[in-house]
Amino acid sequence: ELDRLGRSLSDLIRIAEWFKAHQIDLVSTEESIDTTTSTGRLFFHIS
């Protein structure tokens, strides 16, 4: 789950931006977030 990375929205945004900047994808198995897919990459756009 995403909250395993961080509990606050601001922390999750910073972490997601760091992943994106380093071309690292993110998958949350419980929440069906998967930025390896074209649909899942919307998560990075929102963050």
All heavy atoms as atom14 arrays in JSON, in Angstrom:
{
  "sequence": "ELDRLGRSLSDLIRIAEWFKAHQIDLVSTEESIDTTTSTGRLFFHIS",
  "atom14_mask": [
    [1, 1, 1, 1, 1, 1, 1, 1, 1, 0, 0, 0, 0, 0],
    [1, 1, 1, 1, 1, 1, 1, 1, 0, 0, 0, 0, 0, 0],
    [1, 1, 1, 1, 1, 1, 1, 1, 0, 0, 0, 0, 0, 0],
    [1, 1, 1, 1, 1, 1, 1, 1, 1, 1, 1, 0, 0, 0],
    [1, 1, 1, 1, 1, 1, 1, 1, 0, 0, 0, 0, 0, 0],
    [1, 1, 1, 1, 0, 0, 0, 0, 0, 0, 0, 0, 0, 0],
    [1, 1, 1, 1, 1, 1, 1, 1, 1, 1, 1, 0, 0, 0],
    [1, 1, 1, 1, 1, 1, 0, 0, 0, 0, 0, 0, 0, 0],
    [1, 1, 1, 1, 1, 1, 1, 1, 0, 0, 0, 0, 0, 0],
    [1, 1, 1, 1, 1, 1, 0, 0, 0, 0, 0, 0, 0, 0],
    [1, 1, 1, 1, 1, 1, 1, 1, 0, 0, 0, 0, 0, 0],
    [1, 1, 1, 1, 1, 1, 1, 1, 0, 0, 0, 0, 0, 0],
    [1, 1, 1, 1, 1, 1, 1, 1, 0, 0, 0, 0, 0, 0],
    [1, 1, 1, 1, 1, 1, 1, 1, 1, 1, 1, 0, 0, 0],
    [1, 1, 1, 1, 1, 1, 1, 1, 0, 0, 0, 0, 0, 0],
    [1, 1, 1, 1, 1, 0, 0, 0, 0, 0, 0, 0, 0, 0],
    [1, 1, 1, 1, 1, 1, 1, 1, 1, 0, 0, 0, 0, 0],
    [1, 1, 1, 1, 1, 1, 1, 1, 1, 1, 1, 1, 1, 1],
    [1, 1, 1, 1, 1, 1, 1, 1, 1, 1, 1, 0, 0, 0],
    [1, 1, 1, 1, 1, 1, 1, 1, 1, 0, 0, 0, 0, 0],
    [1, 1, 1, 1, 1, 0, 0, 0, 0, 0, 0, 0, 0, 0],
    [1, 1, 1, 1, 1, 1, 1, 1, 1, 1, 0, 0, 0, 0],
    [1, 1, 1, 1, 1, 1, 1, 1, 1, 0, 0, 0, 0, 0],
    [1, 1, 1, 1, 1, 1, 1, 1, 0, 0, 0, 0, 0, 0],
    [1, 1, 1, 1, 1, 1, 1, 1, 0, 0, 0, 0, 0, 0],
    [1, 1, 1, 1, 1, 1, 1, 1, 0, 0, 0, 0, 0, 0],
    [1, 1, 1, 1, 1, 1, 1, 0, 0, 0, 0, 0, 0, 0],
    [1, 1, 1, 1, 1, 1, 0, 0, 0, 0, 0, 0, 0, 0],
    [1, 1, 1, 1, 1, 1, 1, 0, 0, 0, 0, 0, 0, 0],
    [1, 1, 1, 1, 1, 1, 1, 1, 1, 0, 0, 0, 0, 0],
    [1, 1, 1, 1, 1, 1, 1, 1, 1, 0, 0, 0, 0, 0],
    [1, 1, 1, 1, 1, 1, 0, 0, 0, 0, 0, 0, 0, 0],
    [1, 1, 1, 1, 1, 1, 1, 1, 0, 0, 0, 0, 0, 0],
    [1, 1, 1, 1, 1, 1, 1, 1, 0, 0, 0, 0, 0, 0],
    [1, 1, 1, 1, 1, 1, 1, 0, 0, 0, 0, 0, 0, 0],
    [1, 1, 1, 1, 1, 1, 1, 0, 0, 0, 0, 0, 0, 0],
    [1, 1, 1, 1, 1, 1, 1, 0, 0, 0, 0, 0, 0, 0],
    [1, 1, 1, 1, 1, 1, 0, 0, 0, 0, 0, 0, 0, 0],
    [1, 1, 1, 1, 1, 1, 1, 0, 0, 0, 0, 0, 0, 0],
    [1, 1, 1, 1, 0, 0, 0, 0, 0, 0, 0, 0, 0, 0],
    [1, 1, 1, 1, 1, 1, 1, 1, 1, 1, 1, 0, 0, 0],
    [1, 1, 1, 1, 1, 1, 1, 1, 0, 0, 0, 0, 0, 0],
    [1, 1, 1, 1, 1, 1, 1, 1, 1, 1, 1, 0, 0, 0],
    [1, 1, 1, 1, 1, 1, 1, 1, 1, 1, 1, 0, 0, 0],
    [1, 1, 1, 1, 1, 1, 1, 1, 1, 1, 0, 0, 0, 0],
    [1, 1, 1, 1, 1, 1, 1, 1, 0, 0, 0, 0, 0, 0],
    [1, 1, 1, 1, 1, 1, 0, 0, 0, 0, 0, 0, 0, 0]
  ],
  "atom14_positions": [
    [[0.85, -1.19, 0.0], [0.0, 0.0, 0.0], [0.89, 1.24, 0.0], [2.01, 1.22, 0.54], [-0.91, 0.03, 1.23], [-1.96, -1.07, 1.25], [-2.8, -1.02, 2.52], [-2.23, -0.72, 3.6], [-4.01, -1.27, 2.44], [0.0, 0.0, 0.0], [0.0, 0.0, 0.0], [0.0, 0.0, 0.0], [0.0, 0.0, 0.0], [0.0, 0.0, 0.0]],
    [[0.39, 2.34, -0.56], [1.18, 3.56, -0.65], [1.6, 4.1, 0.71], [2.68, 4.67, 0.85], [0.4, 4.66, -1.4], [0.3, 4.52, -2.92], [-0.51, 5.67, -3.49], [1.68, 4.48, -3.55], [0.0, 0.0, 0.0], [0.0, 0.0, 0.0], [0.0, 0.0, 0.0], [0.0, 0.0, 0.0], [0.0, 0.0, 0.0], [0.0, 0.0, 0.0]],
    [[0.75, 3.93, 1.72], [1.09, 4.49, 3.03], [2.25, 3.76, 3.69], [2.74, 4.18, 4.73], [-0.12, 4.53, 3.96], [-0.63, 3.16, 4.35], [-0.05, 2.14, 3.9], [-1.63, 3.1, 5.09], [0.0, 0.0, 0.0], [0.0, 0.0, 0.0], [0.0, 0.0, 0.0], [0.0, 0.0, 0.0], [0.0, 0.0, 0.0], [0.0, 0.0, 0.0]],
    [[2.72, 2.66, 3.07], [3.95, 2.03, 3.57], [5.15, 2.92, 3.29], [6.12, 2.9, 4.03], [4.17, 0.66, 2.92], [3.08, -0.38, 3.14], [2.82, -0.63, 4.61], [1.85, 0.29, 5.18], [1.67, 0.47, 6.49], [2.41, -0.18, 7.36], [0.75, 1.31, 6.93], [0.0, 0.0, 0.0], [0.0, 0.0, 0.0], [0.0, 0.0, 0.0]],
    [[5.07, 3.72, 2.21], [6.15, 4.65, 1.87], [6.12, 5.88, 2.77], [7.16, 6.37, 3.22], [6.04, 5.08, 0.41], [6.3, 4.0, -0.64], [5.96, 4.53, -2.03], [7.75, 3.54, -0.6], [0.0, 0.0, 0.0], [0.0, 0.0, 0.0], [0.0, 0.0, 0.0], [0.0, 0.0, 0.0], [0.0, 0.0, 0.0], [0.0, 0.0, 0.0]],
    [[4.94, 6.42, 3.01], [4.8, 7.61, 3.84], [3.35, 7.86, 4.14], [2.46, 7.52, 3.35], [0.0, 0.0, 0.0], [0.0, 0.0, 0.0], [0.0, 0.0, 0.0], [0.0, 0.0, 0.0], [0.0, 0.0, 0.0], [0.0, 0.0, 0.0], [0.0, 0.0, 0.0], [0.0, 0.0, 0.0], [0.0, 0.0, 0.0], [0.0, 0.0, 0.0]],
    [[3.08, 8.47, 5.3], [1.71, 8.65, 5.73], [1.1, 9.97, 5.28], [-0.12, 10.13, 5.22], [1.62, 8.57, 7.27], [1.97, 7.2, 7.82], [1.06, 6.11, 7.28], [-0.31, 6.28, 7.69], [-0.86, 5.73, 8.76], [-0.11, 4.95, 9.52], [-2.12, 5.94, 9.06], [0.0, 0.0, 0.0], [0.0, 0.0, 0.0], [0.0, 0.0, 0.0]],
    [[1.94, 10.98, 4.97], [1.4, 12.3, 4.59], [1.4, 12.45, 3.07], [2.24, 11.88, 2.36], [2.22, 13.43, 5.22], [3.46, 13.56, 4.59], [0.0, 0.0, 0.0], [0.0, 0.0, 0.0], [0.0, 0.0, 0.0], [0.0, 0.0, 0.0], [0.0, 0.0, 0.0], [0.0, 0.0, 0.0], [0.0, 0.0, 0.0], [0.0, 0.0, 0.0]],
    [[0.45, 13.23, 2.57], [0.34, 13.47, 1.14], [1.59, 14.15, 0.6], [2.1, 13.81, -0.47], [-0.89, 14.32, 0.84], [-1.11, 14.7, -0.64], [-1.26, 13.45, -1.5], [-2.33, 15.6, -0.77], [0.0, 0.0, 0.0], [0.0, 0.0, 0.0], [0.0, 0.0, 0.0], [0.0, 0.0, 0.0], [0.0, 0.0, 0.0], [0.0, 0.0, 0.0]],
    [[2.11, 15.13, 1.36], [3.29, 15.86, 0.9], [4.49, 14.92, 0.77], [5.27, 15.03, -0.19], [3.62, 17.01, 1.85], [3.87, 16.53, 3.17], [0.0, 0.0, 0.0], [0.0, 0.0, 0.0], [0.0, 0.0, 0.0], [0.0, 0.0, 0.0], [0.0, 0.0, 0.0], [0.0, 0.0, 0.0], [0.0, 0.0, 0.0], [0.0, 0.0, 0.0]],
    [[4.64, 13.98, 1.7], [5.74, 13.02, 1.61], [5.58, 12.13, 0.37], [6.54, 11.88, -0.36], [5.79, 12.13, 2.86], [6.38, 12.85, 4.06], [7.04, 13.89, 3.88], [6.17, 12.38, 5.2], [0.0, 0.0, 0.0], [0.0, 0.0, 0.0], [0.0, 0.0, 0.0], [0.0, 0.0, 0.0], [0.0, 0.0, 0.0], [0.0, 0.0, 0.0]],
    [[4.36, 11.65, 0.15], [4.12, 10.78, -1.01], [4.38, 11.5, -2.32], [4.91, 10.93, -3.27], [2.68, 10.26, -0.98], [2.37, 9.19, 0.08], [0.89, 8.89, 0.11], [3.17, 7.92, -0.18], [0.0, 0.0, 0.0], [0.0, 0.0, 0.0], [0.0, 0.0, 0.0], [0.0, 0.0, 0.0], [0.0, 0.0, 0.0], [0.0, 0.0, 0.0]],
    [[4.01, 12.78, -2.37], [4.25, 13.57, -3.59], [5.74, 13.71, -3.84], [6.22, 13.52, -4.97], [3.59, 14.96, -3.47], [2.07, 14.83, -3.54], [4.09, 15.9, -4.58], [1.33, 16.12, -3.23], [0.0, 0.0, 0.0], [0.0, 0.0, 0.0], [0.0, 0.0, 0.0], [0.0, 0.0, 0.0], [0.0, 0.0, 0.0], [0.0, 0.0, 0.0]],
    [[6.5, 14.03, -2.78], [7.95, 14.18, -2.94], [8.6, 12.86, -3.36], [9.49, 12.83, -4.21], [8.58, 14.69, -1.64], [8.4, 16.17, -1.42], [9.31, 16.66, -0.3], [8.91, 16.13, 0.99], [8.07, 16.73, 1.82], [7.54, 17.88, 1.48], [7.77, 16.19, 2.98], [0.0, 0.0, 0.0], [0.0, 0.0, 0.0], [0.0, 0.0, 0.0]],
    [[8.16, 11.77, -2.75], [8.71, 10.45, -3.09], [8.39, 10.1, -4.54], [9.25, 9.62, -5.29], [8.17, 9.38, -2.13], [8.71, 9.62, -0.71], [8.56, 7.98, -2.61], [7.99, 8.82, 0.36], [0.0, 0.0, 0.0], [0.0, 0.0, 0.0], [0.0, 0.0, 0.0], [0.0, 0.0, 0.0], [0.0, 0.0, 0.0], [0.0, 0.0, 0.0]],
    [[7.14, 10.33, -4.95], [6.73, 10.03, -6.33], [7.52, 10.86, -7.32], [7.94, 10.36, -8.38], [5.23, 10.29, -6.5], [0.0, 0.0, 0.0], [0.0, 0.0, 0.0], [0.0, 0.0, 0.0], [0.0, 0.0, 0.0], [0.0, 0.0, 0.0], [0.0, 0.0, 0.0], [0.0, 0.0, 0.0], [0.0, 0.0, 0.0], [0.0, 0.0, 0.0]],
    [[7.76, 12.13, -7.0], [8.54, 12.99, -7.88], [9.99, 12.51, -7.97], [10.61, 12.57, -9.03], [8.5, 14.44, -7.36], [7.22, 15.18, -7.72], [7.1, 15.4, -9.21], [7.78, 16.28, -9.75], [6.31, 14.67, -9.85], [0.0, 0.0, 0.0], [0.0, 0.0, 0.0], [0.0, 0.0, 0.0], [0.0, 0.0, 0.0], [0.0, 0.0, 0.0]],
    [[10.51, 12.03, -6.84], [11.89, 11.51, -6.85], [11.97, 10.28, -7.74], [12.89, 10.13, -8.54], [12.33, 11.2, -5.43], [13.8, 10.91, -5.3], [14.8, 11.81, -5.01], [14.44, 9.63, -5.44], [16.01, 11.16, -4.98], [15.83, 9.82, -5.23], [13.98, 8.35, -5.71], [16.76, 8.79, -5.29], [14.9, 7.31, -5.78], [16.28, 7.54, -5.58]],
    [[11.0, 9.38, -7.61], [10.96, 8.18, -8.45], [10.9, 8.57, -9.93], [11.63, 8.03, -10.76], [9.75, 7.32, -8.1], [9.9, 6.52, -6.83], [8.79, 5.93, -6.23], [11.13, 6.36, -6.22], [8.92, 5.19, -5.06], [11.27, 5.62, -5.05], [10.15, 5.04, -4.48], [0.0, 0.0, 0.0], [0.0, 0.0, 0.0], [0.0, 0.0, 0.0]],
    [[10.02, 9.5, -10.24], [9.84, 9.91, -11.63], [11.13, 10.51, -12.19], [11.53, 10.2, -13.32], [8.7, 10.93, -11.73], [8.39, 11.37, -13.16], [7.25, 12.37, -13.18], [6.97, 12.84, -14.59], [5.87, 13.86, -14.62], [0.0, 0.0, 0.0], [0.0, 0.0, 0.0], [0.0, 0.0, 0.0], [0.0, 0.0, 0.0], [0.0, 0.0, 0.0]],
    [[11.79, 11.37, -11.4], [13.02, 12.01, -11.84], [14.13, 11.0, -12.1], [15.0, 11.22, -12.95], [13.48, 13.04, -10.81], [0.0, 0.0, 0.0], [0.0, 0.0, 0.0], [0.0, 0.0, 0.0], [0.0, 0.0, 0.0], [0.0, 0.0, 0.0], [0.0, 0.0, 0.0], [0.0, 0.0, 0.0], [0.0, 0.0, 0.0], [0.0, 0.0, 0.0]],
    [[14.1, 9.89, -11.38], [15.12, 8.85, -11.54], [14.64, 7.68, -12.4], [15.26, 6.62, -12.44], [15.56, 8.33, -10.16], [16.37, 9.33, -9.38], [15.78, 10.4, -8.72], [17.7, 9.44, -9.17], [16.75, 11.11, -8.13], [17.9, 10.55, -8.39], [0.0, 0.0, 0.0], [0.0, 0.0, 0.0], [0.0, 0.0, 0.0], [0.0, 0.0, 0.0]],
    [[13.5, 7.89, -13.08], [12.93, 6.89, -14.0], [12.68, 5.55, -13.3], [12.95, 4.48, -13.83], [13.84, 6.7, -15.21], [14.0, 7.97, -16.04], [14.86, 7.77, -17.26], [15.88, 7.09, -17.21], [14.46, 8.36, -18.38], [0.0, 0.0, 0.0], [0.0, 0.0, 0.0], [0.0, 0.0, 0.0], [0.0, 0.0, 0.0], [0.0, 0.0, 0.0]],
    [[12.13, 5.66, -12.09], [11.76, 4.48, -11.31], [10.24, 4.38, -11.27], [9.56, 5.34, -10.91], [12.29, 4.58, -9.86], [13.81, 4.79, -9.87], [11.91, 3.34, -9.06], [14.61, 3.67, -10.46], [0.0, 0.0, 0.0], [0.0, 0.0, 0.0], [0.0, 0.0, 0.0], [0.0, 0.0, 0.0], [0.0, 0.0, 0.0], [0.0, 0.0, 0.0]],
    [[9.71, 3.25, -11.66], [8.27, 3.06, -11.61], [7.82, 2.65, -10.21], [8.63, 2.19, -9.39], [7.83, 2.01, -12.63], [7.75, 2.58, -14.04], [7.06, 3.59, -14.21], [8.38, 2.01, -14.94], [0.0, 0.0, 0.0], [0.0, 0.0, 0.0], [0.0, 0.0, 0.0], [0.0, 0.0, 0.0], [0.0, 0.0, 0.0], [0.0, 0.0, 0.0]],
    [[6.53, 2.81, -9.96], [5.96, 2.51, -8.64], [4.72, 1.65, -8.79], [3.85, 1.93, -9.61], [5.6, 3.82, -7.93], [4.86, 3.71, -6.59], [5.74, 2.99, -5.56], [4.47, 5.09, -6.09], [0.0, 0.0, 0.0], [0.0, 0.0, 0.0], [0.0, 0.0, 0.0], [0.0, 0.0, 0.0], [0.0, 0.0, 0.0], [0.0, 0.0, 0.0]],
    [[4.67, 0.59, -7.98], [3.51, -0.3, -7.98], [3.0, -0.45, -6.56], [3.77, -0.72, -5.64], [3.88, -1.7, -8.54], [2.71, -2.67, -8.34], [4.25, -1.61, -10.01], [0.0, 0.0, 0.0], [0.0, 0.0, 0.0], [0.0, 0.0, 0.0], [0.0, 0.0, 0.0], [0.0, 0.0, 0.0], [0.0, 0.0, 0.0], [0.0, 0.0, 0.0]],
    [[1.68, -0.27, -6.39], [1.01, -0.57, -5.13], [0.03, -1.69, -5.4], [-0.97, -1.5, -6.11], [0.27, 0.66, -4.58], [-0.55, 0.29, -3.49], [0.0, 0.0, 0.0], [0.0, 0.0, 0.0], [0.0, 0.0, 0.0], [0.0, 0.0, 0.0], [0.0, 0.0, 0.0], [0.0, 0.0, 0.0], [0.0, 0.0, 0.0], [0.0, 0.0, 0.0]],
    [[0.31, -2.87, -4.88], [-0.49, -4.04, -5.24], [-1.93, -3.94, -4.74], [-2.86, -4.4, -5.41], [0.15, -5.33, -4.67], [0.19, -5.25, -3.23], [1.56, -5.5, -5.21], [0.0, 0.0, 0.0], [0.0, 0.0, 0.0], [0.0, 0.0, 0.0], [0.0, 0.0, 0.0], [0.0, 0.0, 0.0], [0.0, 0.0, 0.0], [0.0, 0.0, 0.0]],
    [[-2.14, -3.34, -3.58], [-3.47, -3.27, -3.0], [-4.34, -2.22, -3.68], [-5.55, -2.4, -3.83], [-3.36, -2.97, -1.5], [-4.68, -3.01, -0.75], [-5.24, -4.42, -0.63], [-4.48, -5.39, -0.88], [-6.42, -4.56, -0.28], [0.0, 0.0, 0.0], [0.0, 0.0, 0.0], [0.0, 0.0, 0.0], [0.0, 0.0, 0.0], [0.0, 0.0, 0.0]],
    [[-3.72, -1.11, -4.11], [-4.49, 0.01, -4.66], [-4.49, 0.05, -6.18], [-5.0, 0.99, -6.79], [-3.93, 1.32, -4.1], [-4.21, 1.48, -2.61], [-3.05, 2.11, -1.84], [-1.9, 1.99, -2.28], [-3.3, 2.7, -0.79], [0.0, 0.0, 0.0], [0.0, 0.0, 0.0], [0.0, 0.0, 0.0], [0.0, 0.0, 0.0], [0.0, 0.0, 0.0]],
    [[-3.91, -0.98, -6.8], [-3.89, -1.1, -8.27], [-3.24, 0.1, -8.94], [-3.68, 0.55, -10.01], [-5.31, -1.31, -8.81], [-5.88, -2.48, -8.28], [0.0, 0.0, 0.0], [0.0, 0.0, 0.0], [0.0, 0.0, 0.0], [0.0, 0.0, 0.0], [0.0, 0.0, 0.0], [0.0, 0.0, 0.0], [0.0, 0.0, 0.0], [0.0, 0.0, 0.0]],
    [[-2.23, 0.66, -8.32], [-1.43, 1.72, -8.93], [-0.21, 1.07, -9.53], [0.55, 0.37, -8.86], [-1.01, 2.79, -7.89], [-2.25, 3.55, -7.4], [0.02, 3.75, -8.49], [-1.95, 4.49, -6.25], [0.0, 0.0, 0.0], [0.0, 0.0, 0.0], [0.0, 0.0, 0.0], [0.0, 0.0, 0.0], [0.0, 0.0, 0.0], [0.0, 0.0, 0.0]],
    [[0.0, 1.28, -10.83], [1.1, 0.63, -11.53], [1.59, 1.55, -12.64], [1.01, 1.62, -13.72], [0.62, -0.71, -12.1], [1.75, -1.48, -12.79], [2.85, -0.93, -12.92], [1.5, -2.63, -13.2], [0.0, 0.0, 0.0], [0.0, 0.0, 0.0], [0.0, 0.0, 0.0], [0.0, 0.0, 0.0], [0.0, 0.0, 0.0], [0.0, 0.0, 0.0]],
    [[2.66, 2.29, -12.37], [3.13, 3.27, -13.35], [3.94, 2.64, -14.48], [4.46, 3.36, -15.33], [3.97, 4.37, -12.67], [5.18, 3.81, -12.16], [3.2, 5.04, -11.56], [0.0, 0.0, 0.0], [0.0, 0.0, 0.0], [0.0, 0.0, 0.0], [0.0, 0.0, 0.0], [0.0, 0.0, 0.0], [0.0, 0.0, 0.0], [0.0, 0.0, 0.0]],
    [[4.03, 1.3, -14.5], [4.63, 0.65, -15.66], [3.63, 0.59, -16.81], [4.0, 0.24, -17.94], [5.1, -0.78, -15.32], [3.96, -1.61, -15.06], [6.02, -0.79, -14.12], [0.0, 0.0, 0.0], [0.0, 0.0, 0.0], [0.0, 0.0, 0.0], [0.0, 0.0, 0.0], [0.0, 0.0, 0.0], [0.0, 0.0, 0.0], [0.0, 0.0, 0.0]],
    [[2.37, 0.92, -16.54], [1.34, 0.93, -17.58], [1.01, 2.36, -17.96], [1.21, 3.3, -17.19], [0.05, 0.25, -17.09], [-0.55, 1.05, -16.06], [0.34, -1.14, -16.53], [0.0, 0.0, 0.0], [0.0, 0.0, 0.0], [0.0, 0.0, 0.0], [0.0, 0.0, 0.0], [0.0, 0.0, 0.0], [0.0, 0.0, 0.0], [0.0, 0.0, 0.0]],
    [[0.48, 2.55, -19.16], [0.13, 3.89, -19.63], [-0.94, 4.51, -18.74], [-0.9, 5.71, -18.44], [-0.36, 3.83, -21.08], [-1.45, 2.94, -21.21], [0.0, 0.0, 0.0], [0.0, 0.0, 0.0], [0.0, 0.0, 0.0], [0.0, 0.0, 0.0], [0.0, 0.0, 0.0], [0.0, 0.0, 0.0], [0.0, 0.0, 0.0], [0.0, 0.0, 0.0]],
    [[-1.9, 3.72, -18.28], [-2.94, 4.23, -17.39], [-2.36, 4.59, -16.03], [-2.67, 5.64, -15.46], [-4.05, 3.18, -17.2], [-4.6, 2.83, -18.47], [-5.16, 3.73, -16.3], [0.0, 0.0, 0.0], [0.0, 0.0, 0.0], [0.0, 0.0, 0.0], [0.0, 0.0, 0.0], [0.0, 0.0, 0.0], [0.0, 0.0, 0.0], [0.0, 0.0, 0.0]],
    [[-1.5, 3.72, -15.52], [-0.91, 3.97, -14.21], [-0.01, 5.19, -14.16], [0.16, 5.8, -13.1], [0.0, 0.0, 0.0], [0.0, 0.0, 0.0], [0.0, 0.0, 0.0], [0.0, 0.0, 0.0], [0.0, 0.0, 0.0], [0.0, 0.0, 0.0], [0.0, 0.0, 0.0], [0.0, 0.0, 0.0], [0.0, 0.0, 0.0], [0.0, 0.0, 0.0]],
    [[0.57, 5.57, -15.3], [1.46, 6.73, -15.32], [0.72, 8.02, -15.03], [1.32, 9.05, -14.75], [2.22, 6.81, -16.65], [3.33, 5.79, -16.74], [4.28, 6.07, -17.9], [3.71, 5.75, -19.19], [3.66, 4.53, -19.7], [4.13, 3.5, -19.01], [3.15, 4.32, -20.89], [0.0, 0.0, 0.0], [0.0, 0.0, 0.0], [0.0, 0.0, 0.0]],
    [[-0.62, 7.97, -15.09], [-1.41, 9.13, -14.71], [-1.11, 9.53, -13.26], [-1.19, 10.71, -12.91], [-2.9, 8.81, -14.87], [-3.9, 9.93, -14.49], [-3.7, 11.14, -15.38], [-5.33, 9.41, -14.59], [0.0, 0.0, 0.0], [0.0, 0.0, 0.0], [0.0, 0.0, 0.0], [0.0, 0.0, 0.0], [0.0, 0.0, 0.0], [0.0, 0.0, 0.0]],
    [[-0.77, 8.55, -12.44], [-0.43, 8.83, -11.04], [0.73, 9.82, -10.96], [0.71, 10.75, -10.15], [-0.07, 7.53, -10.32], [0.44, 7.73, -8.92], [-0.43, 7.97, -7.87], [1.8, 7.69, -8.65], [0.03, 8.16, -6.58], [2.28, 7.88, -7.35], [1.39, 8.11, -6.32], [0.0, 0.0, 0.0], [0.0, 0.0, 0.0], [0.0, 0.0, 0.0]],
    [[1.76, 9.62, -11.79], [2.9, 10.52, -11.79], [2.51, 11.91, -12.28], [3.01, 12.93, -11.79], [4.03, 9.97, -12.67], [4.92, 8.99, -11.96], [5.65, 8.05, -12.69], [5.06, 8.99, -10.58], [6.49, 7.15, -12.05], [5.89, 8.08, -9.93], [6.61, 7.17, -10.66], [0.0, 0.0, 0.0], [0.0, 0.0, 0.0], [0.0, 0.0, 0.0]],
    [[1.59, 11.98, -13.25], [1.15, 13.28, -13.76], [0.41, 14.05, -12.67], [0.58, 15.26, -12.52], [0.26, 13.09, -14.99], [0.98, 12.59, -16.19], [2.06, 13.24, -16.74], [0.79, 11.49, -16.96], [2.5, 12.58, -17.8], [1.75, 11.51, -17.94], [0.0, 0.0, 0.0], [0.0, 0.0, 0.0], [0.0, 0.0, 0.0], [0.0, 0.0, 0.0]],
    [[-0.42, 13.34, -11.92], [-1.18, 13.99, -10.84], [-0.24, 14.46, -9.74], [-0.34, 15.59, -9.26], [-2.25, 13.04, -10.28], [-3.32, 12.75, -11.35], [-2.89, 13.63, -9.02], [-4.31, 11.68, -10.95], [0.0, 0.0, 0.0], [0.0, 0.0, 0.0], [0.0, 0.0, 0.0], [0.0, 0.0, 0.0], [0.0, 0.0, 0.0], [0.0, 0.0, 0.0]],
    [[0.68, 13.6, -9.33], [1.63, 13.99, -8.28], [2.5, 15.13, -8.77], [2.87, 16.03, -8.0], [2.5, 12.8, -7.87], [3.34, 12.38, -8.93], [0.0, 0.0, 0.0], [0.0, 0.0, 0.0], [0.0, 0.0, 0.0], [0.0, 0.0, 0.0], [0.0, 0.0, 0.0], [0.0, 0.0, 0.0], [0.0, 0.0, 0.0], [0.0, 0.0, 0.0]]
  ]
}
